Amino acid sequence: MITAFVMVHTVADHIPEAAQAIADLDGVDAVYSCAGDVDLIAVVKVREHEQLADVIAGGLSKVPGVLETDTHIAFRSYRSRDVEEGFAVGQG
């Protein structure tokens, strides 16, 4: 599974509508509204790299109210739960 985090700048008064339209796209796992440099962060999960173009360039960036996107592709996932479970192997 390929995971990408898409930073989304929107027209200020279109944030809720843009967020819902993005969340409704195939391949979008979640959309977060946030404070800071961007208005929304979309989590995109697809099986193949080519699908990123379909979801992001072909869909997400064309949602009304979206002004600009910046995509970051994840290489590896780290979670504290994974680390804790790794240390717990063989304990019982």
N, C-alpha and C. Protein backbone atom coordinates (compact mmCIF):
# COMPACT_ATOMS: atom_id res chain seq x y z
N MET A 1 0.85 -1.18 0.00
CA MET A 1 0.00 0.00 0.00
C MET A 1 0.89 1.24 0.00
N ILE A 2 0.59 2.18 -0.86
CA ILE A 2 1.32 3.44 -0.94
C ILE A 2 0.49 4.50 -0.24
N THR A 3 1.13 5.21 0.69
CA THR A 3 0.45 6.26 1.44
C THR A 3 1.06 7.60 1.08
N ALA A 4 0.21 8.57 0.80
CA ALA A 4 0.66 9.93 0.52
C ALA A 4 -0.12 10.89 1.40
N PHE A 5 0.57 11.91 1.86
CA PHE A 5 -0.04 12.98 2.63
C PHE A 5 -0.08 14.21 1.74
N VAL A 6 -1.28 14.73 1.51
CA VAL A 6 -1.45 15.85 0.61
C VAL A 6 -1.84 17.08 1.42
N MET A 7 -0.96 18.09 1.40
CA MET A 7 -1.24 19.36 2.05
C MET A 7 -2.08 20.18 1.08
N VAL A 8 -3.23 20.66 1.54
CA VAL A 8 -4.18 21.31 0.65
C VAL A 8 -4.47 22.73 1.13
N HIS A 9 -4.28 23.69 0.22
CA HIS A 9 -4.68 25.07 0.46
C HIS A 9 -6.01 25.29 -0.23
N THR A 10 -6.98 25.87 0.48
CA THR A 10 -8.31 26.08 -0.09
C THR A 10 -8.74 27.53 0.06
N VAL A 11 -9.79 27.87 -0.64
CA VAL A 11 -10.46 29.15 -0.42
C VAL A 11 -11.06 29.06 0.98
N ALA A 12 -10.83 30.07 1.81
CA ALA A 12 -11.20 30.01 3.23
C ALA A 12 -12.65 29.64 3.49
N ASP A 13 -13.57 30.16 2.71
CA ASP A 13 -14.98 29.88 2.99
C ASP A 13 -15.48 28.60 2.30
N HIS A 14 -14.58 27.81 1.75
CA HIS A 14 -14.94 26.53 1.12
C HIS A 14 -14.31 25.33 1.82
N ILE A 15 -13.70 25.53 2.97
CA ILE A 15 -12.99 24.44 3.63
C ILE A 15 -13.89 23.23 3.91
N PRO A 16 -15.05 23.39 4.57
CA PRO A 16 -15.86 22.19 4.86
C PRO A 16 -16.33 21.46 3.60
N GLU A 17 -16.75 22.21 2.59
CA GLU A 17 -17.24 21.58 1.35
C GLU A 17 -16.09 20.89 0.61
N ALA A 18 -14.95 21.54 0.55
CA ALA A 18 -13.79 20.94 -0.12
C ALA A 18 -13.34 19.69 0.62
N ALA A 19 -13.31 19.75 1.94
CA ALA A 19 -12.90 18.59 2.75
C ALA A 19 -13.81 17.40 2.49
N GLN A 20 -15.11 17.61 2.44
CA GLN A 20 -16.04 16.51 2.22
C GLN A 20 -15.91 15.96 0.81
N ALA A 21 -15.76 16.85 -0.17
CA ALA A 21 -15.61 16.39 -1.55
C ALA A 21 -14.32 15.58 -1.71
N ILE A 22 -13.26 15.99 -1.04
CA ILE A 22 -12.00 15.24 -1.09
C ILE A 22 -12.17 13.89 -0.40
N ALA A 23 -12.82 13.89 0.75
CA ALA A 23 -13.03 12.65 1.51
C ALA A 23 -13.85 11.64 0.71
N ASP A 24 -14.70 12.11 -0.19
CA ASP A 24 -15.55 11.23 -0.98
C ASP A 24 -14.82 10.61 -2.18
N LEU A 25 -13.61 11.05 -2.48
CA LEU A 25 -12.86 10.51 -3.61
C LEU A 25 -12.33 9.11 -3.32
N ASP A 26 -12.39 8.22 -4.29
CA ASP A 26 -11.79 6.90 -4.16
C ASP A 26 -10.29 7.07 -3.95
N GLY A 27 -9.75 6.36 -2.99
CA GLY A 27 -8.33 6.42 -2.69
C GLY A 27 -8.00 7.34 -1.53
N VAL A 28 -8.94 8.18 -1.14
CA VAL A 28 -8.71 9.08 0.00
C VAL A 28 -9.18 8.36 1.26
N ASP A 29 -8.24 8.17 2.19
CA ASP A 29 -8.53 7.46 3.43
C ASP A 29 -9.11 8.38 4.49
N ALA A 30 -8.61 9.61 4.57
CA ALA A 30 -9.08 10.56 5.59
C ALA A 30 -8.69 11.97 5.17
N VAL A 31 -9.43 12.94 5.69
CA VAL A 31 -9.11 14.35 5.47
C VAL A 31 -9.20 15.04 6.82
N TYR A 32 -8.17 15.81 7.14
CA TYR A 32 -8.13 16.53 8.42
C TYR A 32 -8.08 18.03 8.16
N SER A 33 -8.94 18.78 8.83
CA SER A 33 -8.80 20.23 8.82
C SER A 33 -7.82 20.55 9.93
N CYS A 34 -7.00 21.56 9.72
CA CYS A 34 -5.96 21.84 10.70
C CYS A 34 -5.58 23.31 10.71
N ALA A 35 -4.90 23.69 11.77
CA ALA A 35 -4.34 25.03 11.88
C ALA A 35 -2.91 24.98 11.39
N GLY A 36 -2.41 26.07 10.92
CA GLY A 36 -1.03 26.11 10.46
C GLY A 36 -0.94 26.58 9.03
N ASP A 37 0.07 26.09 8.33
CA ASP A 37 0.35 26.56 6.97
C ASP A 37 -0.63 26.06 5.92
N VAL A 38 -1.35 24.99 6.21
CA VAL A 38 -2.30 24.44 5.25
C VAL A 38 -3.68 24.37 5.87
N ASP A 39 -4.68 24.27 5.02
CA ASP A 39 -6.06 24.20 5.50
C ASP A 39 -6.51 22.77 5.77
N LEU A 40 -6.08 21.85 4.90
CA LEU A 40 -6.48 20.45 5.00
C LEU A 40 -5.28 19.55 4.76
N ILE A 41 -5.30 18.38 5.37
CA ILE A 41 -4.33 17.33 5.06
C ILE A 41 -5.14 16.10 4.69
N ALA A 42 -4.91 15.62 3.48
CA ALA A 42 -5.59 14.42 3.00
C ALA A 42 -4.62 13.25 3.02
N VAL A 43 -5.10 12.11 3.50
CA VAL A 43 -4.32 10.88 3.50
C VAL A 43 -4.83 10.02 2.35
N VAL A 44 -3.96 9.77 1.39
CA VAL A 44 -4.32 8.99 0.21
C VAL A 44 -3.62 7.65 0.31
N LYS A 45 -4.37 6.57 0.10
CA LYS A 45 -3.81 5.22 0.13
C LYS A 45 -4.23 4.50 -1.14
N VAL A 46 -3.21 4.09 -1.92
CA VAL A 46 -3.44 3.39 -3.18
C VAL A 46 -2.47 2.21 -3.30
N ARG A 47 -2.74 1.34 -4.24
CA ARG A 47 -1.89 0.15 -4.42
C ARG A 47 -0.72 0.41 -5.37
N GLU A 48 -0.87 1.32 -6.32
CA GLU A 48 0.18 1.57 -7.31
C GLU A 48 0.42 3.06 -7.45
N HIS A 49 1.69 3.41 -7.77
CA HIS A 49 2.05 4.82 -7.90
C HIS A 49 1.21 5.55 -8.94
N GLU A 50 0.89 4.87 -10.03
CA GLU A 50 0.11 5.50 -11.09
C GLU A 50 -1.24 5.99 -10.57
N GLN A 51 -1.77 5.31 -9.57
CA GLN A 51 -3.06 5.71 -9.01
C GLN A 51 -2.98 7.04 -8.27
N LEU A 52 -1.80 7.40 -7.79
CA LEU A 52 -1.65 8.70 -7.13
C LEU A 52 -2.02 9.83 -8.07
N ALA A 53 -1.60 9.74 -9.32
CA ALA A 53 -1.93 10.78 -10.29
C ALA A 53 -3.44 10.86 -10.51
N ASP A 54 -4.09 9.70 -10.57
CA ASP A 54 -5.54 9.70 -10.76
C ASP A 54 -6.25 10.38 -9.59
N VAL A 55 -5.84 10.02 -8.37
CA VAL A 55 -6.52 10.54 -7.18
C VAL A 55 -6.18 12.01 -6.95
N ILE A 56 -4.89 12.35 -7.02
CA ILE A 56 -4.46 13.70 -6.64
C ILE A 56 -4.63 14.69 -7.80
N ALA A 57 -3.93 14.45 -8.90
CA ALA A 57 -4.02 15.39 -10.03
C ALA A 57 -5.37 15.30 -10.74
N GLY A 58 -5.90 14.08 -10.84
CA GLY A 58 -7.15 13.89 -11.56
C GLY A 58 -8.41 14.18 -10.77
N GLY A 59 -8.30 14.19 -9.45
CA GLY A 59 -9.50 14.38 -8.63
C GLY A 59 -9.36 15.47 -7.58
N LEU A 60 -8.48 15.24 -6.64
CA LEU A 60 -8.35 16.14 -5.49
C LEU A 60 -8.05 17.58 -5.89
N SER A 61 -7.10 17.76 -6.79
CA SER A 61 -6.71 19.12 -7.17
C SER A 61 -7.79 19.84 -7.98
N LYS A 62 -8.78 19.09 -8.47
CA LYS A 62 -9.87 19.68 -9.26
C LYS A 62 -11.12 19.97 -8.44
N VAL A 63 -11.07 19.68 -7.14
CA VAL A 63 -12.22 19.94 -6.27
C VAL A 63 -12.43 21.45 -6.17
N PRO A 64 -13.65 21.94 -6.33
CA PRO A 64 -13.91 23.37 -6.19
C PRO A 64 -13.43 23.89 -4.83
N GLY A 65 -12.71 25.00 -4.88
CA GLY A 65 -12.18 25.60 -3.66
C GLY A 65 -10.74 25.25 -3.37
N VAL A 66 -10.21 24.20 -4.02
CA VAL A 66 -8.81 23.83 -3.82
C VAL A 66 -7.94 24.76 -4.65
N LEU A 67 -6.99 25.41 -3.99
CA LEU A 67 -6.10 26.34 -4.66
C LEU A 67 -4.75 25.73 -5.02
N GLU A 68 -4.22 24.90 -4.11
CA GLU A 68 -2.88 24.37 -4.29
C GLU A 68 -2.71 23.11 -3.45
N THR A 69 -1.89 22.18 -3.94
CA THR A 69 -1.60 20.97 -3.18
C THR A 69 -0.09 20.75 -3.15
N ASP A 70 0.35 20.03 -2.13
CA ASP A 70 1.75 19.65 -1.98
C ASP A 70 1.74 18.22 -1.44
N THR A 71 2.27 17.29 -2.21
CA THR A 71 2.16 15.87 -1.88
C THR A 71 3.46 15.32 -1.31
N HIS A 72 3.33 14.54 -0.23
CA HIS A 72 4.46 13.88 0.42
C HIS A 72 4.16 12.39 0.47
N ILE A 73 5.03 11.58 -0.15
CA ILE A 73 4.83 10.14 -0.19
C ILE A 73 5.59 9.50 0.96
N ALA A 74 4.91 8.65 1.71
CA ALA A 74 5.51 7.98 2.87
C ALA A 74 6.32 6.77 2.41
N PHE A 75 7.49 6.58 3.03
CA PHE A 75 8.32 5.41 2.76
C PHE A 75 8.09 4.31 3.78
N ARG A 76 7.95 4.71 5.04
CA ARG A 76 7.86 3.74 6.12
C ARG A 76 6.98 4.34 7.22
N SER A 77 6.31 3.48 7.96
CA SER A 77 5.44 3.91 9.05
C SER A 77 6.05 3.49 10.39
N TYR A 78 6.04 4.39 11.34
CA TYR A 78 6.50 4.10 12.69
C TYR A 78 5.38 4.44 13.66
N ARG A 79 5.07 3.52 14.55
CA ARG A 79 4.05 3.76 15.57
C ARG A 79 4.59 3.22 16.88
N SER A 80 4.26 3.88 17.97
CA SER A 80 4.75 3.42 19.27
C SER A 80 4.23 2.04 19.59
N ARG A 81 3.02 1.73 19.17
CA ARG A 81 2.44 0.42 19.42
C ARG A 81 3.29 -0.68 18.78
N ASP A 82 3.78 -0.44 17.55
CA ASP A 82 4.62 -1.43 16.86
C ASP A 82 5.90 -1.70 17.64
N VAL A 83 6.51 -0.65 18.14
CA VAL A 83 7.74 -0.79 18.92
C VAL A 83 7.49 -1.57 20.20
N GLU A 84 6.43 -1.21 20.90
CA GLU A 84 6.08 -1.89 22.15
C GLU A 84 5.80 -3.36 21.91
N GLU A 85 5.07 -3.68 20.84
CA GLU A 85 4.76 -5.08 20.54
C GLU A 85 6.03 -5.85 20.17
N GLY A 86 6.97 -5.20 19.51
CA GLY A 86 8.23 -5.84 19.17
C GLY A 86 9.01 -6.24 20.40
N PHE A 87 9.00 -5.38 21.42
CA PHE A 87 9.71 -5.68 22.66
C PHE A 87 8.98 -6.74 23.49
N ALA A 88 7.69 -6.90 23.24
CA ALA A 88 6.90 -7.85 24.03
C ALA A 88 6.98 -9.28 23.49
N VAL A 89 7.58 -9.47 22.34
CA VAL A 89 7.67 -10.80 21.74
C VAL A 89 8.46 -11.71 22.68
N GLY A 90 7.89 -12.87 22.96
CA GLY A 90 8.57 -13.84 23.82
C GLY A 90 8.36 -13.61 25.30
N GLN A 91 7.68 -12.55 25.66
CA GLN A 91 7.38 -12.31 27.08
C GLN A 91 6.01 -12.88 27.37
N GLY A 92 5.84 -13.38 28.55
CA GLY A 92 4.51 -13.90 28.80
C GLY A 92 4.23 -14.25 30.17
